[in-house]
PDB file of N, CA and C in Angstrom:
ATOM      1  N   MET A   1     124.363 115.224 119.458  1.00  0.00           N
ATOM      2  CA  MET A   1     122.991 114.843 119.220  1.00  0.00           C
ATOM      3  C   MET A   1     122.994 113.473 118.541  1.00  0.00           C
ATOM      4  N   SER A   2     122.026 112.660 118.888  1.00  0.00           N
ATOM      5  CA  SER A   2     121.969 111.300 118.352  1.00  0.00           C
ATOM      6  C   SER A   2     121.416 111.293 116.925  1.00  0.00           C
ATOM      7  N   ILE A   3     121.595 110.172 116.271  1.00  0.00           N
ATOM      8  CA  ILE A   3     121.100 110.013 114.902  1.00  0.00           C
ATOM      9  C   ILE A   3     119.575 110.090 114.873  1.00  0.00           C
ATOM     10  N   THR A   4     118.937 109.566 115.903  1.00  0.00           N
ATOM     11  CA  THR A   4     117.474 109.622 115.974  1.00  0.00           C
ATOM     12  C   THR A   4     116.993 111.063 116.077  1.00  0.00           C
ATOM     13  N   GLY A   5     117.657 111.846 116.899  1.00  0.00           N
ATOM     14  CA  GLY A   5     117.296 113.256 117.033  1.00  0.00           C
ATOM     15  C   GLY A   5     117.494 114.019 115.744  1.00  0.00           C
ATOM     16  N   LEU A   6     118.589 113.737 115.050  1.00  0.00           N
ATOM     17  CA  LEU A   6     118.843 114.390 113.763  1.00  0.00           C
ATOM     18  C   LEU A   6     117.804 113.987 112.725  1.00  0.00           C
ATOM     19  N   ALA A   7     117.400 112.714 112.737  1.00  0.00           N
ATOM     20  CA  ALA A   7     116.378 112.251 111.794  1.00  0.00           C
ATOM     21  C   ALA A   7     115.039 112.927 112.066  1.00  0.00           C
ATOM     22  N   VAL A   8     114.697 113.079 113.327  1.00  0.00           N
ATOM     23  CA  VAL A   8     113.437 113.737 113.683  1.00  0.00           C
ATOM     24  C   VAL A   8     113.457 115.203 113.235  1.00  0.00           C
ATOM     25  N   ILE A   9     114.576 115.889 113.439  1.00  0.00           N
ATOM     26  CA  ILE A   9     114.693 117.282 113.004  1.00  0.00           C
ATOM     27  C   ILE A   9     114.560 117.373 111.489  1.00  0.00           C
ATOM     28  N   TYR A  10     115.219 116.470 110.758  1.00  0.00           N
ATOM     29  CA  TYR A  10     115.143 116.489 109.299  1.00  0.00           C
ATOM     30  C   TYR A  10     113.705 116.266 108.818  1.00  0.00           C
ATOM     31  N   ILE A  11     113.027 115.307 109.394  1.00  0.00           N
ATOM     32  CA  ILE A  11     111.650 114.998 108.976  1.00  0.00           C
ATOM     33  C   ILE A  11     110.716 116.169 109.281  1.00  0.00           C
ATOM     34  N   MET A  12     110.888 116.796 110.434  1.00  0.00           N
ATOM     35  CA  MET A  12     110.041 117.941 110.773  1.00  0.00           C
ATOM     36  C   MET A  12     110.267 119.095 109.802  1.00  0.00           C
ATOM     37  N   ILE A  13     111.525 119.380 109.488  1.00  0.00           N
ATOM     38  CA  ILE A  13     111.830 120.443 108.526  1.00  0.00           C
ATOM     39  C   ILE A  13     111.269 120.088 107.161  1.00  0.00           C
ATOM     40  N   TRP A  14     111.379 118.814 106.761  1.00  0.00           N
ATOM     41  CA  TRP A  14     110.899 118.385 105.448  1.00  0.00           C
ATOM     42  C   TRP A  14     109.397 118.625 105.307  1.00  0.00           C
ATOM     43  N   TRP A  15     108.625 118.245 106.314  1.00  0.00           N
ATOM     44  CA  TRP A  15     107.167 118.427 106.227  1.00  0.00           C
ATOM     45  C   TRP A  15     106.785 119.903 106.208  1.00  0.00           C
ATOM     46  N   ILE A  16     107.475 120.724 106.990  1.00  0.00           N
ATOM     47  CA  ILE A  16     107.178 122.154 106.991  1.00  0.00           C
ATOM     48  C   ILE A  16     107.457 122.757 105.620  1.00  0.00           C
ATOM     49  N   VAL A  17     108.595 122.425 105.040  1.00  0.00           N
ATOM     50  CA  VAL A  17     108.948 122.939 103.713  1.00  0.00           C
ATOM     51  C   VAL A  17     107.988 122.385 102.662  1.00  0.00           C
ATOM     52  N   PHE A  18     107.617 121.112 102.765  1.00  0.00           N
ATOM     53  CA  PHE A  18     106.715 120.505 101.786  1.00  0.00           C
ATOM     54  C   PHE A  18     105.366 121.214 101.765  1.00  0.00           C
ATOM     55  N   PHE A  19     104.796 121.459 102.943  1.00  0.00           N
ATOM     56  CA  PHE A  19     103.501 122.136 102.975  1.00  0.00           C
ATOM     57  C   PHE A  19     103.614 123.594 102.552  1.00  0.00           C
ATOM     58  N   ALA A  20     104.773 124.206 102.693  1.00  0.00           N
ATOM     59  CA  ALA A  20     104.972 125.569 102.211  1.00  0.00           C
ATOM     60  C   ALA A  20     105.083 125.602 100.688  1.00  0.00           C
ATOM     61  N   ILE A  21     105.687 124.580 100.085  1.00  0.00           N
ATOM     62  CA  ILE A  21     105.884 124.522  98.632  1.00  0.00           C
ATOM     63  C   ILE A  21     104.637 124.006  97.907  1.00  0.00           C
ATOM     64  N   LEU A  22     103.832 123.232  98.563  1.00  0.00           N
ATOM     65  CA  LEU A  22     102.708 122.546  97.924  1.00  0.00           C
ATOM     66  C   LEU A  22     101.794 123.447  97.080  1.00  0.00           C
ATOM     67  N   PRO A  23     101.379 124.625  97.538  1.00  0.00           N
ATOM     68  CA  PRO A  23     100.463 125.417  96.702  1.00  0.00           C
ATOM     69  C   PRO A  23     101.134 126.184  95.568  1.00  0.00           C
ATOM     70  N   MET A  24     102.445 126.156  95.456  1.00  0.00           N
ATOM     71  CA  MET A  24     103.145 126.903  94.412  1.00  0.00           C
ATOM     72  C   MET A  24     103.073 126.181  93.073  1.00  0.00           C
ATOM     73  N   ASP A  25     103.039 126.975  91.992  1.00  0.00           N
ATOM     74  CA  ASP A  25     103.059 126.463  90.612  1.00  0.00           C
ATOM     75  C   ASP A  25     101.902 125.509  90.333  1.00  0.00           C
ATOM     76  N   VAL A  26     100.699 125.935  90.691  1.00  0.00           N
ATOM     77  CA  VAL A  26      99.514 125.110  90.477  1.00  0.00           C
ATOM     78  C   VAL A  26      98.567 125.855  89.549  1.00  0.00           C
ATOM     79  N   ASN A  27      98.134 125.200  88.479  1.00  0.00           N
ATOM     80  CA  ASN A  27      97.164 125.773  87.554  1.00  0.00           C
ATOM     81  C   ASN A  27      95.804 125.159  87.865  1.00  0.00           C
ATOM     82  N   ARG A  28      94.878 125.972  88.331  1.00  0.00           N
ATOM     83  CA  ARG A  28      93.579 125.462  88.751  1.00  0.00           C
ATOM     84  C   ARG A  28      92.515 125.541  87.655  1.00  0.00           C
ATOM     85  N   GLU A  29      92.866 126.051  86.489  1.00  0.00           N
ATOM     86  CA  GLU A  29      91.898 126.130  85.395  1.00  0.00           C
ATOM     87  C   GLU A  29      91.871 124.798  84.648  1.00  0.00           C
ATOM     88  N   LYS A  30      90.670 124.226  84.525  1.00  0.00           N
ATOM     89  CA  LYS A  30      90.534 122.929  83.871  1.00  0.00           C
ATOM     90  C   LYS A  30      89.754 123.089  82.573  1.00  0.00           C
ATOM     91  N   PRO A  31      90.203 122.419  81.517  1.00  0.00           N
ATOM     92  CA  PRO A  31      89.469 122.502  80.249  1.00  0.00           C
ATOM     93  C   PRO A  31      88.147 121.723  80.285  1.00  0.00           C
ATOM     94  N   ILE A  32      88.114 120.650  81.047  1.00  0.00           N
ATOM     95  CA  ILE A  32      86.910 119.805  81.119  1.00  0.00           C
ATOM     96  C   ILE A  32      86.499 119.692  82.582  1.00  0.00           C
ATOM     97  N   LYS A  33      85.227 119.968  82.847  1.00  0.00           N
ATOM     98  CA  LYS A  33      84.717 119.826  84.213  1.00  0.00           C
ATOM     99  C   LYS A  33      84.073 118.467  84.363  1.00  0.00           C
ATOM    100  N   ILE A  34      84.441 117.766  85.436  1.00  0.00           N
ATOM    101  CA  ILE A  34      83.922 116.431  85.707  1.00  0.00           C
ATOM    102  C   ILE A  34      83.035 116.518  86.935  1.00  0.00           C
ATOM    103  N   ASP A  35      81.863 115.918  86.856  1.00  0.00           N
ATOM    104  CA  ASP A  35      80.954 115.917  87.993  1.00  0.00           C
ATOM    105  C   ASP A  35      81.567 115.140  89.152  1.00  0.00           C
ATOM    106  N   GLY A  36      81.444 115.693  90.348  1.00  0.00           N
ATOM    107  CA  GLY A  36      81.962 115.040  91.541  1.00  0.00           C
ATOM    108  C   GLY A  36      83.408 115.381  91.854  1.00  0.00           C
ATOM    109  N   GLU A  37      84.068 116.140  90.988  1.00  0.00           N
ATOM    110  CA  GLU A  37      85.450 116.529  91.217  1.00  0.00           C
ATOM    111  C   GLU A  37      85.484 117.950  91.765  1.00  0.00           C
ATOM    112  N   ASP A  38      86.367 118.206  92.708  1.00  0.00           N
ATOM    113  CA  ASP A  38      86.474 119.532  93.299  1.00  0.00           C
ATOM    114  C   ASP A  38      86.922 120.540  92.248  1.00  0.00           C
ATOM    115  N   ILE A  39      86.268 121.698  92.235  1.00  0.00           N
ATOM    116  CA  ILE A  39      86.568 122.731  91.237  1.00  0.00           C
ATOM    117  C   ILE A  39      87.973 123.296  91.437  1.00  0.00           C
ATOM    118  N   GLY A  40      88.425 123.390  92.671  1.00  0.00           N
ATOM    119  CA  GLY A  40      89.723 123.984  92.963  1.00  0.00           C
ATOM    120  C   GLY A  40      90.896 123.032  92.877  1.00  0.00           C
ATOM    121  N   SER A  41      90.642 121.751  92.617  1.00  0.00           N
ATOM    122  CA  SER A  41      91.768 120.808  92.552  1.00  0.00           C
ATOM    123  C   SER A  41      92.570 121.022  91.268  1.00  0.00           C
ATOM    124  N   PRO A  42      93.898 120.939  91.353  1.00  0.00           N
ATOM    125  CA  PRO A  42      94.727 121.200  90.172  1.00  0.00           C
ATOM    126  C   PRO A  42      94.683 120.056  89.167  1.00  0.00           C
ATOM    127  N   GLU A  43      94.878 120.414  87.913  1.00  0.00           N
ATOM    128  CA  GLU A  43      94.931 119.413  86.846  1.00  0.00           C
ATOM    129  C   GLU A  43      96.183 118.542  86.998  1.00  0.00           C
ATOM    130  N   ASN A  44      97.336 119.191  87.208  1.00  0.00           N
ATOM    131  CA  ASN A  44      98.603 118.477  87.399  1.00  0.00           C
ATOM    132  C   ASN A  44      99.305 119.096  88.610  1.00  0.00           C
ATOM    133  N   PRO A  45      99.295 118.445  89.768  1.00  0.00           N
ATOM    134  CA  PRO A  45      99.898 119.048  90.964  1.00  0.00           C
ATOM    135  C   PRO A  45     101.423 119.057  90.974  1.00  0.00           C
ATOM    136  N   LYS A  46     102.075 118.338  90.079  1.00  0.00           N
ATOM    137  CA  LYS A  46     103.543 118.294  89.961  1.00  0.00           C
ATOM    138  C   LYS A  46     104.208 117.885  91.282  1.00  0.00           C
ATOM    139  N   ILE A  47     103.727 116.801  91.854  1.00  0.00           N
ATOM    140  CA  ILE A  47     104.194 116.343  93.157  1.00  0.00           C
ATOM    141  C   ILE A  47     105.663 115.914  93.126  1.00  0.00           C
ATOM    142  N   LEU A  48     106.099 115.224  92.082  1.00  0.00           N
ATOM    143  CA  LEU A  48     107.491 114.759  92.016  1.00  0.00           C
ATOM    144  C   LEU A  48     108.456 115.947  92.008  1.00  0.00           C
ATOM    145  N   LYS A  49     108.140 116.971  91.232  1.00  0.00           N
ATOM    146  CA  LYS A  49     108.968 118.176  91.171  1.00  0.00           C
ATOM    147  C   LYS A  49     109.026 118.841  92.550  1.00  0.00           C
ATOM    148  N   LYS A  50     107.898 118.915  93.230  1.00  0.00           N
ATOM    149  CA  LYS A  50     107.845 119.528  94.554  1.00  0.00           C
ATOM    150  C   LYS A  50     108.585 118.670  95.586  1.00  0.00           C
ATOM    151  N   PHE A  51     108.517 117.362  95.441  1.00  0.00           N
ATOM    152  CA  PHE A  51     109.237 116.449  96.330  1.00  0.00           C
ATOM    153  C   PHE A  51     110.743 116.667  96.211  1.00  0.00           C
ATOM    154  N   ILE A  52     111.225 116.806  94.991  1.00  0.00           N
ATOM    155  CA  ILE A  52     112.660 117.006  94.756  1.00  0.00           C
ATOM    156  C   ILE A  52     113.107 118.360  95.290  1.00  0.00           C
ATOM    157  N   TYR A  53     112.350 119.424  94.991  1.00  0.00           N
ATOM    158  CA  TYR A  53     112.679 120.752  95.512  1.00  0.00           C
ATOM    159  C   TYR A  53     112.666 120.761  97.032  1.00  0.00           C
ATOM    160  N   CYS A  54     111.665 120.119  97.613  1.00  0.00           N
ATOM    161  CA  CYS A  54     111.524 120.084  99.066  1.00  0.00           C
ATOM    162  C   CYS A  54     112.713 119.380  99.710  1.00  0.00           C
ATOM    163  N   THR A  55     113.134 118.277  99.139  1.00  0.00           N
ATOM    164  CA  THR A  55     114.273 117.533  99.679  1.00  0.00           C
ATOM    165  C   THR A  55     115.558 118.355  99.588  1.00  0.00           C
ATOM    166  N   GLY A  56     115.745 119.069  98.494  1.00  0.00           N
ATOM    167  CA  GLY A  56     116.932 119.913  98.340  1.00  0.00           C
ATOM    168  C   GLY A  56     116.956 121.065  99.331  1.00  0.00           C
ATOM    169  N   ILE A  57     115.836 121.772  99.447  1.00  0.00           N
ATOM    170  CA  ILE A  57     115.754 122.899 100.376  1.00  0.00           C
ATOM    171  C   ILE A  57     115.928 122.421 101.810  1.00  0.00           C
ATOM    172  N   THR A  58     115.288 121.300 102.147  1.00  0.00           N
ATOM    173  CA  THR A  58     115.396 120.761 103.500  1.00  0.00           C
ATOM    174  C   THR A  58     116.827 120.351 103.809  1.00  0.00           C
ATOM    175  N   SER A  59     117.511 119.763 102.845  1.00  0.00           N
ATOM    176  CA  SER A  59     118.899 119.354 103.071  1.00  0.00           C
ATOM    177  C   SER A  59     119.792 120.551 103.370  1.00  0.00           C
ATOM    178  N   ILE A  60     119.593 121.652 102.646  1.00  0.00           N
ATOM    179  CA  ILE A  60     120.391 122.855 102.882  1.00  0.00           C
ATOM    180  C   ILE A  60     120.111 123.415 104.276  1.00  0.00           C
ATOM    181  N   ILE A  61     118.836 123.525 104.639  1.00  0.00           N
ATOM    182  CA  ILE A  61     118.473 124.033 105.969  1.00  0.00           C
ATOM    183  C   ILE A  61     119.011 123.112 107.058  1.00  0.00           C
ATOM    184  N   PHE A  62     118.900 121.800 106.844  1.00  0.00           N
ATOM    185  CA  PHE A  62     119.367 120.835 107.841  1.00  0.00           C
ATOM    186  C   PHE A  62     120.877 120.916 108.032  1.00  0.00           C
ATOM    187  N   ILE A  63     121.628 121.068 106.950  1.00  0.00           N
ATOM    188  CA  ILE A  63     123.088 121.172 107.051  1.00  0.00           C
ATOM    189  C   ILE A  63     123.473 122.418 107.853  1.00  0.00           C
ATOM    190  N   ILE A  64     122.771 123.526 107.616  1.00  0.00           N
ATOM    191  CA  ILE A  64     123.046 124.749 108.372  1.00  0.00           C
ATOM    192  C   ILE A  64     122.764 124.532 109.853  1.00  0.00           C
ATOM    193  N   ILE A  65     121.620 123.935 110.179  1.00  0.00           N
ATOM    194  CA  ILE A  65     121.275 123.677 111.580  1.00  0.00           C
ATOM    195  C   ILE A  65     122.256 122.691 112.199  1.00  0.00           C
ATOM    196  N   PHE A  66     122.643 121.651 111.459  1.00  0.00           N
ATOM    197  CA  PHE A  66     123.600 120.670 111.971  1.00  0.00           C
ATOM    198  C   PHE A  66     124.943 121.321 112.307  1.00  0.00           C
ATOM    199  N   LEU A  67     125.420 122.188 111.411  1.00  0.00           N
ATOM    200  CA  LEU A  67     126.694 122.860 111.668  1.00  0.00           C
ATOM    201  C   LEU A  67     126.592 123.809 112.859  1.00  0.00           C
ATOM    202  N   LEU A  68     125.455 124.480 113.006  1.00  0.00           N
ATOM    203  CA  LEU A  68     125.263 125.346 114.173  1.00  0.00           C
ATOM    204  C   LEU A  68     125.268 124.546 115.467  1.00  0.00           C
ATOM    205  N   ILE A  69     124.676 123.364 115.435  1.00  0.00           N
ATOM    206  CA  ILE A  69     124.668 122.507 116.625  1.00  0.00           C
ATOM    207  C   ILE A  69     126.067 121.944 116.886  1.00  0.00           C
ATOM    208  N   LYS A  70     126.751 121.514 115.830  1.00  0.00           N
ATOM    209  CA  LYS A  70     128.071 120.902 115.981  1.00  0.00           C
ATOM    210  C   LYS A  70     129.092 121.875 116.568  1.00  0.00           C
ATOM    211  N   TYR A  71     129.073 123.118 116.103  1.00  0.00           N
ATOM    212  CA  TYR A  71     130.030 124.109 116.602  1.00  0.00           C
ATOM    213  C   TYR A  71     129.472 124.927 117.760  1.00  0.00           C
ATOM    214  N   GLU A  72     128.393 124.445 118.356  1.00  0.00           N
ATOM    215  CA  GLU A  72     127.785 124.971 119.581  1.00  0.00           C
ATOM    216  C   GLU A  72     127.348 126.424 119.495  1.00  0.00           C
ATOM    217  N   TYR A  73     126.952 126.879 118.306  1.00  0.00           N
ATOM    218  CA  TYR A  73     126.297 128.176 118.190  1.00  0.00           C
ATOM    219  C   TYR A  73     124.817 128.052 118.547  1.00  0.00           C
ATOM    220  N   LEU A  74     124.305 126.856 118.383  1.00  0.00           N
ATOM    221  CA  LEU A  74     122.921 126.553 118.728  1.00  0.00           C
ATOM    222  C   LEU A  74     122.962 125.319 119.624  1.00  0.00           C
ATOM    223  N   ASN A  75     122.808 125.522 120.919  1.00  0.00           N
ATOM    224  CA  ASN A  75     122.885 124.428 121.864  1.00  0.00           C
ATOM    225  C   ASN A  75     121.485 124.128 122.368  1.00  0.00           C
ATOM    226  N   LEU A  76     120.900 123.043 121.878  1.00  0.00           N
ATOM    227  CA  LEU A  76     119.521 122.703 122.217  1.00  0.00           C
ATOM    228  C   LEU A  76     119.367 122.273 123.676  1.00  0.00           C
ATOM    229  N   LYS A  77     120.394 121.685 124.260  1.00  0.00           N
ATOM    230  CA  LYS A  77     120.313 121.260 125.665  1.00  0.00           C
ATOM    231  C   LYS A  77     120.183 122.464 126.588  1.00  0.00           C
ATOM    232  N   ASN A  78     120.897 123.543 126.305  1.00  0.00           N
ATOM    233  CA  ASN A  78     120.794 124.739 127.130  1.00  0.00           C
ATOM    234  C   ASN A  78     119.465 125.459 126.914  1.00  0.00           C
ATOM    235  N   LEU A  79     118.901 125.377 125.727  1.00  0.00           N
ATOM    236  CA  LEU A  79     117.615 126.015 125.461  1.00  0.00           C
ATOM    237  C   LEU A  79     116.485 125.331 126.230  1.00  0.00           C
ATOM    238  N   ILE A  80     116.569 124.027 126.381  1.00  0.00           N
ATOM    239  CA  ILE A  80     115.531 123.267 127.083  1.00  0.00           C
ATOM    240  C   ILE A  80     115.607 123.492 128.592  1.00  0.00           C
ATOM    241  N   SER A  81     116.826 123.602 129.135  1.00  0.00           N
ATOM    242  CA  SER A  81     116.996 123.740 130.592  1.00  0.00           C
ATOM    243  C   SER A  81     116.600 125.115 131.070  1.00  0.00           C
TER     244      SER A  81
END
């Protein structure tokens, strides 16, 4: 598989994991209500922490998929044909 294909797989896995992690560890209770602000928006979304976790989880999943492709347990060319 080419480097471009591997990059596309990594990015797709990253976005899926990111959107799965995004709603976790969010406190929606606010001490001060501001007019014009959404009531359900979190006070501190902790995006950097989620970015780091997402990158780590994605790297582990990607390494597993890469090894499966490399040792031909998962052959994407045969699945497409």
